[in-house]
Amino acid sequence: MAIVPPTERCYGYLEKGFAYEFYQTDKNKQLVSWFWTDDEFVIPTSPYSKIVLSCDAEFYELPYGDTFRSLRTYEGDRAYYYFTRARHKLQIAERISDIQYASPFKNYRKLRQKKPQVFDYASEEQIASFLNITVSELRGFMFKHRVSL
């Protein structure tokens, strides 16, 4: 996968493929915070995170300056932008709530339901990091999930 340099703000539209966001710890460990799949806007949740795109990603970058020129000019673009940002803020609030109040297994099932493509792209380590569990716990969830199908 190609890493978008952290000095570049990565805003854009992921038409096809996969992307994820992570934070680098001082111990050189990646903490995965977000996954994007087909037909989603990639909006970083923090200026301190890094975005990784899959090699097959069809990603259309939305340069910051061009985006805001367009928003000043076209009212329809402005309304869509506000809608997209508001939806993203709600998704962030939901993610925070899931981290705080939902069990890791419930978050695993939710990820399986809402974004099954993640399991085709992300490594077990990345998924475990996203769920804040160990890889062995993840394997246990995956086994339980297969048995319950």
Protein backbone atom coordinates (compact mmCIF):
# COMPACT_ATOMS: atom_id res chain seq x y z
CA MET A 1 0.00 0.00 0.00
CA ALA A 2 1.10 3.54 -0.70
CA ILE A 3 1.40 5.91 2.26
CA VAL A 4 0.29 9.49 1.74
CA PRO A 5 3.04 11.65 3.27
CA PRO A 6 1.91 13.11 6.60
CA THR A 7 2.79 16.65 5.47
CA GLU A 8 0.02 16.49 2.86
CA ARG A 9 -3.56 16.76 4.02
CA CYS A 10 -5.37 13.95 2.28
CA TYR A 11 -8.91 15.01 1.43
CA GLY A 12 -10.64 13.32 -1.43
CA TYR A 13 -13.09 10.82 -2.76
CA LEU A 14 -12.33 7.09 -2.74
CA GLU A 15 -14.30 5.76 -5.67
CA LYS A 16 -12.88 2.25 -5.40
CA GLY A 17 -10.45 0.49 -3.11
CA PHE A 18 -9.47 0.90 0.49
CA ALA A 19 -7.84 3.42 2.80
CA TYR A 20 -7.15 3.62 6.49
CA GLU A 21 -6.00 6.21 8.98
CA PHE A 22 -3.51 5.59 11.77
CA TYR A 23 -1.50 7.33 14.45
CA GLN A 24 2.14 6.45 15.05
CA THR A 25 3.08 5.91 18.70
CA ASP A 26 6.47 6.79 20.14
CA LYS A 27 7.16 3.01 20.13
CA ASN A 28 6.66 2.93 16.34
CA LYS A 29 3.32 1.15 16.66
CA GLN A 30 0.36 1.97 14.41
CA LEU A 31 -2.99 2.68 16.07
CA VAL A 32 -5.66 2.33 13.39
CA SER A 33 -8.54 4.76 13.85
CA TRP A 34 -10.56 4.68 10.64
CA PHE A 35 -11.30 2.63 7.51
CA TRP A 36 -12.72 3.88 4.21
CA THR A 37 -14.01 1.72 1.38
CA ASP A 38 -15.70 2.26 -2.02
CA ASP A 39 -17.62 5.49 -2.60
CA GLU A 40 -16.58 7.36 0.53
CA PHE A 41 -15.03 10.75 1.16
CA VAL A 42 -11.65 10.47 2.89
CA ILE A 43 -11.59 13.12 5.59
CA PRO A 44 -8.77 12.83 8.14
CA THR A 45 -9.93 12.94 11.73
CA SER A 46 -6.75 14.70 12.92
CA PRO A 47 -3.77 16.65 11.57
CA TYR A 48 -1.53 14.14 13.41
CA SER A 49 -2.76 11.04 11.57
CA LYS A 50 -1.48 9.40 8.41
CA ILE A 51 -3.59 7.99 5.59
CA VAL A 52 -2.73 4.82 3.68
CA LEU A 53 -4.30 4.01 0.30
CA SER A 54 -4.45 0.54 -1.26
CA CYS A 55 -2.51 0.10 -4.50
CA ASP A 56 -5.75 -0.40 -6.45
CA ALA A 57 -7.41 2.69 -4.95
CA GLU A 58 -9.14 5.02 -7.37
CA PHE A 59 -8.73 8.17 -5.32
CA TYR A 60 -9.57 11.68 -6.42
CA GLU A 61 -7.79 14.25 -4.32
CA LEU A 62 -9.68 17.42 -3.52
CA PRO A 63 -7.02 20.11 -3.09
CA TYR A 64 -7.92 22.40 -0.20
CA GLY A 65 -7.67 25.69 -2.12
CA ASP A 66 -9.65 24.44 -5.14
CA THR A 67 -12.33 23.01 -2.88
CA PHE A 68 -12.90 26.27 -1.05
CA ARG A 69 -12.88 28.32 -4.28
CA SER A 70 -15.61 26.02 -5.56
CA LEU A 71 -17.57 26.31 -2.31
CA ARG A 72 -17.50 30.11 -2.52
CA THR A 73 -18.70 30.00 -6.13
CA TYR A 74 -21.33 27.25 -6.23
CA GLU A 75 -24.14 27.13 -3.70
CA GLY A 76 -24.97 23.48 -4.58
CA ASP A 77 -21.39 22.43 -3.83
CA ARG A 78 -21.55 24.32 -0.53
CA ALA A 79 -24.73 22.51 0.57
CA TYR A 80 -23.27 19.13 -0.35
CA TYR A 81 -20.02 19.94 1.46
CA TYR A 82 -21.92 20.90 4.63
CA PHE A 83 -23.94 17.70 4.41
CA THR A 84 -20.79 15.57 3.92
CA ARG A 85 -18.96 17.26 6.83
CA ALA A 86 -21.97 16.93 9.13
CA ARG A 87 -22.30 13.23 8.28
CA HIS A 88 -18.59 12.74 8.96
CA LYS A 89 -18.89 14.47 12.35
CA LEU A 90 -21.76 12.12 13.23
CA GLN A 91 -19.64 9.12 12.18
CA ILE A 92 -16.80 10.35 14.42
CA ALA A 93 -19.21 10.74 17.35
CA GLU A 94 -20.54 7.23 16.71
CA ARG A 95 -16.99 5.83 16.57
CA ILE A 96 -16.11 7.49 19.89
CA SER A 97 -19.30 6.14 21.44
CA ASP A 98 -18.52 2.63 20.13
CA ILE A 99 -15.01 2.78 21.61
CA GLN A 100 -16.34 3.94 24.96
CA TYR A 101 -19.49 1.87 25.37
CA ALA A 102 -19.67 -1.09 22.96
CA SER A 103 -17.84 -4.35 23.49
CA PRO A 104 -15.04 -5.23 21.08
CA PHE A 105 -17.12 -8.16 19.76
CA LYS A 106 -20.07 -5.84 19.06
CA ASN A 107 -17.69 -3.47 17.22
CA TYR A 108 -16.30 -6.45 15.29
CA ARG A 109 -19.81 -7.50 14.19
CA LYS A 110 -20.63 -3.90 13.25
CA LEU A 111 -17.47 -3.64 11.14
CA ARG A 112 -18.33 -6.97 9.46
CA GLN A 113 -21.84 -5.73 8.73
CA LYS A 114 -21.11 -2.18 7.58
CA LYS A 115 -17.72 -2.59 5.88
CA PRO A 116 -17.09 -6.24 4.95
CA GLN A 117 -14.49 -5.13 2.34
CA VAL A 118 -12.16 -4.15 5.18
CA PHE A 119 -11.55 -7.85 5.80
CA ASP A 120 -10.35 -8.27 2.20
CA TYR A 121 -7.77 -5.48 2.51
CA ALA A 122 -6.67 -4.94 6.10
CA SER A 123 -4.31 -7.23 7.99
CA GLU A 124 -5.37 -8.91 11.21
CA GLU A 125 -3.04 -6.53 13.07
CA GLN A 126 -4.77 -3.47 11.58
CA ILE A 127 -8.26 -4.77 12.36
CA ALA A 128 -7.22 -5.74 15.90
CA SER A 129 -5.74 -2.25 16.39
CA PHE A 130 -8.98 -0.66 15.16
CA LEU A 131 -10.96 -2.78 17.65
CA ASN A 132 -8.39 -2.19 20.41
CA ILE A 133 -7.86 -5.92 20.98
CA THR A 134 -5.06 -8.44 20.43
CA VAL A 135 -4.73 -10.49 17.25
CA SER A 136 -5.59 -13.68 19.22
CA GLU A 137 -8.81 -12.08 20.46
CA LEU A 138 -9.62 -11.10 16.88
CA ARG A 139 -9.04 -14.67 15.70
CA GLY A 140 -11.44 -15.85 18.42
CA PHE A 141 -14.08 -13.37 17.18
CA MET A 142 -13.55 -14.54 13.60
CA PHE A 143 -14.00 -18.17 14.67
CA LYS A 144 -17.20 -17.34 16.64
CA HIS A 145 -18.51 -15.37 13.64
CA ARG A 146 -17.96 -18.31 11.27
CA VAL A 147 -19.60 -20.75 13.68
CA SER A 148 -22.67 -18.52 14.10
CA LEU A 149 -23.26 -18.20 10.32
